[in-house]
Amino acid sequence: MKLIPIGSKQIQYVQYDDEASQMHIQYYTGQTHTCTNIAPDQYNMLLQSPNRYDLIMKMAARPNFPPQA
């Protein structure tokens, strides 16, 4: 699993499991939220994003983010 620290007051870090295509969002409260069907290119988009928090919130809210054309 790949760990990404997030500069946020709410989210401590995100873990990405490329074998399971899952992203685990770890909150400072101890709660974990799992997003499924996260493709490697979506993870790479997160790595390159200047605002990782906003992108994580979009990914967590939409099960099929980004929308497929």
C-alpha atoms as a PDB file:
ATOM      1  CA  MET A   1       0.000   0.000   0.000  1.00  0.00           C
ATOM      2  CA  LYS A   2       1.138   3.489  -0.812  1.00  0.00           C
ATOM      3  CA  LEU A   3       0.729   6.138   1.895  1.00  0.00           C
ATOM      4  CA  ILE A   4       0.078   9.808   1.077  1.00  0.00           C
ATOM      5  CA  PRO A   5       0.180  12.356   3.907  1.00  0.00           C
ATOM      6  CA  ILE A   6      -2.526  15.002   3.523  1.00  0.00           C
ATOM      7  CA  GLY A   7      -2.041  18.553   4.782  1.00  0.00           C
ATOM      8  CA  SER A   8      -5.474  18.751   6.357  1.00  0.00           C
ATOM      9  CA  LYS A   9      -6.975  19.259   9.792  1.00  0.00           C
ATOM     10  CA  GLN A  10      -9.444  16.426   9.115  1.00  0.00           C
ATOM     11  CA  ILE A  11      -7.544  13.828   7.072  1.00  0.00           C
ATOM     12  CA  GLN A  12      -4.303  12.417   8.394  1.00  0.00           C
ATOM     13  CA  TYR A  13      -3.338  10.347   5.360  1.00  0.00           C
ATOM     14  CA  VAL A  14      -4.611   8.282   2.448  1.00  0.00           C
ATOM     15  CA  GLN A  15      -3.500   4.755   1.616  1.00  0.00           C
ATOM     16  CA  TYR A  16      -3.820   3.395  -1.889  1.00  0.00           C
ATOM     17  CA  ASP A  17      -3.956  -0.324  -2.600  1.00  0.00           C
ATOM     18  CA  ASP A  18      -3.312  -0.773  -6.311  1.00  0.00           C
ATOM     19  CA  GLU A  19      -3.997  -4.512  -6.205  1.00  0.00           C
ATOM     20  CA  ALA A  20      -7.502  -4.007  -4.784  1.00  0.00           C
ATOM     21  CA  SER A  21      -8.082  -0.606  -6.481  1.00  0.00           C
ATOM     22  CA  GLN A  22      -9.049   0.842  -3.115  1.00  0.00           C
ATOM     23  CA  MET A  23      -8.216   4.095  -1.387  1.00  0.00           C
ATOM     24  CA  HIS A  24      -8.433   4.232   2.403  1.00  0.00           C
ATOM     25  CA  ILE A  25      -8.938   7.691   3.903  1.00  0.00           C
ATOM     26  CA  GLN A  26      -7.693   7.888   7.497  1.00  0.00           C
ATOM     27  CA  TYR A  27      -9.229  10.698   9.550  1.00  0.00           C
ATOM     28  CA  TYR A  28      -7.679  12.147  12.708  1.00  0.00           C
ATOM     29  CA  THR A  29     -10.773  10.933  14.582  1.00  0.00           C
ATOM     30  CA  GLY A  30      -9.636   7.360  13.914  1.00  0.00           C
ATOM     31  CA  GLN A  31     -12.385   6.717  11.375  1.00  0.00           C
ATOM     32  CA  THR A  32     -11.421   5.167   8.033  1.00  0.00           C
ATOM     33  CA  HIS A  33     -13.394   5.549   4.806  1.00  0.00           C
ATOM     34  CA  THR A  34     -12.741   3.151   1.907  1.00  0.00           C
ATOM     35  CA  CYS A  35     -13.297   4.195  -1.704  1.00  0.00           C
ATOM     36  CA  THR A  36     -13.507   1.311  -4.161  1.00  0.00           C
ATOM     37  CA  ASN A  37     -12.801   1.161  -7.896  1.00  0.00           C
ATOM     38  CA  ILE A  38     -10.027   3.774  -7.732  1.00  0.00           C
ATOM     39  CA  ALA A  39      -7.840   3.244 -10.796  1.00  0.00           C
ATOM     40  CA  PRO A  40      -4.099   3.953 -10.785  1.00  0.00           C
ATOM     41  CA  ASP A  41      -4.595   7.001 -13.028  1.00  0.00           C
ATOM     42  CA  GLN A  42      -7.023   8.449 -10.465  1.00  0.00           C
ATOM     43  CA  TYR A  43      -4.413   7.892  -7.750  1.00  0.00           C
ATOM     44  CA  ASN A  44      -1.794   9.608  -9.923  1.00  0.00           C
ATOM     45  CA  MET A  45      -4.191  12.531 -10.373  1.00  0.00           C
ATOM     46  CA  LEU A  46      -4.301  12.798  -6.575  1.00  0.00           C
ATOM     47  CA  LEU A  47      -0.517  12.761  -6.318  1.00  0.00           C
ATOM     48  CA  GLN A  48      -0.232  15.617  -8.810  1.00  0.00           C
ATOM     49  CA  SER A  49      -3.104  17.687  -7.427  1.00  0.00           C
ATOM     50  CA  PRO A  50      -2.252  21.031  -5.827  1.00  0.00           C
ATOM     51  CA  ASN A  51      -5.340  20.598  -3.604  1.00  0.00           C
ATOM     52  CA  ARG A  52      -5.407  16.955  -2.513  1.00  0.00           C
ATOM     53  CA  TYR A  53      -8.091  17.499   0.125  1.00  0.00           C
ATOM     54  CA  ASP A  54     -10.690  18.751  -2.363  1.00  0.00           C
ATOM     55  CA  LEU A  55      -9.922  15.931  -4.791  1.00  0.00           C
ATOM     56  CA  ILE A  56     -10.221  13.333  -2.014  1.00  0.00           C
ATOM     57  CA  MET A  57     -13.617  14.737  -1.053  1.00  0.00           C
ATOM     58  CA  LYS A  58     -14.791  14.424  -4.669  1.00  0.00           C
ATOM     59  CA  MET A  59     -13.492  10.868  -4.907  1.00  0.00           C
ATOM     60  CA  ALA A  60     -15.182   9.905  -1.646  1.00  0.00           C
ATOM     61  CA  ALA A  61     -18.507  11.434  -2.685  1.00  0.00           C
ATOM     62  CA  ARG A  62     -18.685   9.876  -6.159  1.00  0.00           C
ATOM     63  CA  PRO A  63     -18.234   6.117  -6.460  1.00  0.00           C
ATOM     64  CA  ASN A  64     -17.271   6.396 -10.141  1.00  0.00           C
ATOM     65  CA  PHE A  65     -15.062   9.495 -10.038  1.00  0.00           C
ATOM     66  CA  PRO A  66     -14.113  10.795 -12.500  1.00  0.00           C
ATOM     67  CA  PRO A  67     -17.187  10.345 -14.744  1.00  0.00           C
ATOM     68  CA  GLN A  68     -16.487   8.195 -17.765  1.00  0.00           C
ATOM     69  CA  ALA A  69     -17.177   9.773 -21.182  1.00  0.00           C
END
